[in-house]
Amino acid sequence: MRILTADWKFRLPMASAILTVLYPEAFTVYDVRVCDELGKHYGIQDRSKFDGLWADYCVYLQDVRDREPSVLKLRDKDRVLWARSFEKQLREDISTLFSKDQARHG
């Protein structure tokens, strides 16, 4: 993680995605949708010093592991959390006939 974020200047979402592909049992993707479901961990990617970023990412990682006890694989846990967030947003968008989206883009 240090090489990807500090040396190569990847942001945390991309660095964690790369490491998740290489080591799916040890890493998970840092994603704001998962943060939505956890209700915390926003802004980790904005940490300027690696040690703080790493410490915060480890807490995020543990929260993902703990959140879905019925799902065994770490990568599947973050997929479940991501999907829940997406579903909530989609239901909200449908209920408002996508009016928020139109206001943002129109």
Protein backbone atom coordinates (compact mmCIF):
# COMPACT_ATOMS: atom_id res chain seq x y z
CA MET A 1 0.00 0.00 0.00
CA ARG A 2 2.81 2.40 0.85
CA ILE A 3 4.44 1.94 -2.55
CA LEU A 4 1.16 2.48 -4.39
CA THR A 5 0.03 5.53 -2.42
CA ALA A 6 3.23 7.25 -1.29
CA ASP A 7 5.68 6.38 -4.05
CA TRP A 8 3.44 5.95 -7.10
CA LYS A 9 0.83 8.52 -5.95
CA PHE A 10 -2.24 6.32 -6.44
CA ARG A 11 -5.23 7.45 -4.40
CA LEU A 12 -6.57 5.00 -1.83
CA PRO A 13 -9.55 3.75 -3.90
CA MET A 14 -7.29 2.73 -6.79
CA ALA A 15 -4.49 1.38 -4.60
CA SER A 16 -6.93 -0.71 -2.57
CA ALA A 17 -8.56 -2.00 -5.78
CA ILE A 18 -5.19 -3.14 -7.13
CA LEU A 19 -4.29 -4.85 -3.86
CA THR A 20 -7.74 -6.45 -3.67
CA VAL A 21 -7.19 -8.09 -7.05
CA LEU A 22 -3.77 -9.36 -5.99
CA TYR A 23 -4.64 -10.28 -2.38
CA PRO A 24 -8.44 -10.66 -2.05
CA GLU A 25 -8.28 -12.22 1.41
CA ALA A 26 -6.16 -9.40 2.85
CA PHE A 27 -7.50 -6.24 1.15
CA THR A 28 -10.81 -4.78 0.15
CA VAL A 29 -11.68 -1.84 -2.07
CA TYR A 30 -12.10 1.49 -0.31
CA ASP A 31 -15.38 2.85 -1.67
CA VAL A 32 -17.63 5.68 -0.57
CA ARG A 33 -20.72 3.46 -1.05
CA VAL A 34 -19.31 1.05 1.53
CA CYS A 35 -18.63 4.04 3.79
CA ASP A 36 -22.31 4.95 3.37
CA GLU A 37 -23.35 1.54 4.66
CA LEU A 38 -20.85 1.60 7.51
CA GLY A 39 -21.82 5.17 8.35
CA LYS A 40 -18.20 6.24 8.71
CA HIS A 41 -14.69 6.22 7.24
CA TYR A 42 -15.32 9.10 4.85
CA GLY A 43 -12.23 11.02 3.83
CA ILE A 44 -9.60 8.38 4.51
CA GLN A 45 -8.32 8.86 0.98
CA ASP A 46 -7.60 12.51 1.80
CA ARG A 47 -5.01 11.67 4.47
CA SER A 48 -1.68 13.17 3.46
CA LYS A 49 0.61 11.00 5.57
CA PHE A 50 0.81 7.28 4.88
CA ASP A 51 0.81 6.14 8.51
CA GLY A 52 -2.54 7.83 9.17
CA LEU A 53 -4.00 6.56 5.91
CA TRP A 54 -2.86 3.02 6.68
CA ALA A 55 -4.20 3.09 10.25
CA ASP A 56 -7.58 4.39 9.07
CA TYR A 57 -7.73 1.89 6.22
CA CYS A 58 -7.05 -0.97 8.65
CA VAL A 59 -10.00 0.16 10.80
CA TYR A 60 -12.16 0.39 7.65
CA LEU A 61 -11.03 -3.10 6.63
CA GLN A 62 -11.92 -4.54 10.02
CA ASP A 63 -15.33 -2.87 9.94
CA VAL A 64 -16.03 -4.46 6.55
CA ARG A 65 -14.94 -7.85 7.92
CA ASP A 66 -17.19 -7.47 10.97
CA ARG A 67 -20.23 -6.08 9.19
CA GLU A 68 -21.46 -9.14 7.30
CA PRO A 69 -20.84 -12.24 9.44
CA SER A 70 -22.96 -14.48 7.20
CA VAL A 71 -20.79 -13.68 4.17
CA LEU A 72 -17.51 -15.55 4.31
CA LYS A 73 -15.20 -13.92 1.76
CA LEU A 74 -13.93 -10.41 2.35
CA ARG A 75 -14.45 -9.39 -1.29
CA ASP A 76 -18.06 -10.57 -1.13
CA LYS A 77 -18.63 -8.57 2.05
CA ASP A 78 -17.70 -5.30 0.35
CA ARG A 79 -19.85 -6.23 -2.65
CA VAL A 80 -22.87 -6.74 -0.39
CA LEU A 81 -22.31 -3.37 1.28
CA TRP A 82 -21.80 -1.62 -2.05
CA ALA A 83 -24.96 -3.19 -3.48
CA ARG A 84 -27.03 -2.11 -0.48
CA SER A 85 -25.90 1.47 -0.91
CA PHE A 86 -26.64 1.35 -4.64
CA GLU A 87 -30.10 -0.10 -4.00
CA LYS A 88 -30.93 2.66 -1.51
CA GLN A 89 -29.82 5.35 -3.93
CA LEU A 90 -31.77 3.78 -6.79
CA ARG A 91 -34.95 3.53 -4.70
CA GLU A 92 -34.56 7.17 -3.68
CA ASP A 93 -33.97 8.24 -7.27
CA ILE A 94 -37.04 6.32 -8.46
CA SER A 95 -39.22 7.74 -5.69
CA THR A 96 -38.22 11.29 -6.68
CA LEU A 97 -38.40 10.45 -10.40
CA PHE A 98 -34.68 11.23 -10.58
CA SER A 99 -35.43 14.90 -9.88
CA LYS A 100 -32.26 15.35 -7.80
CA ASP A 101 -30.20 13.90 -10.63
CA GLN A 102 -31.83 16.18 -13.20
CA ALA A 103 -31.15 19.22 -11.03
CA ARG A 104 -27.48 18.26 -10.72
CA HIS A 105 -27.00 17.61 -14.42
CA GLY A 106 -29.60 19.87 -15.99
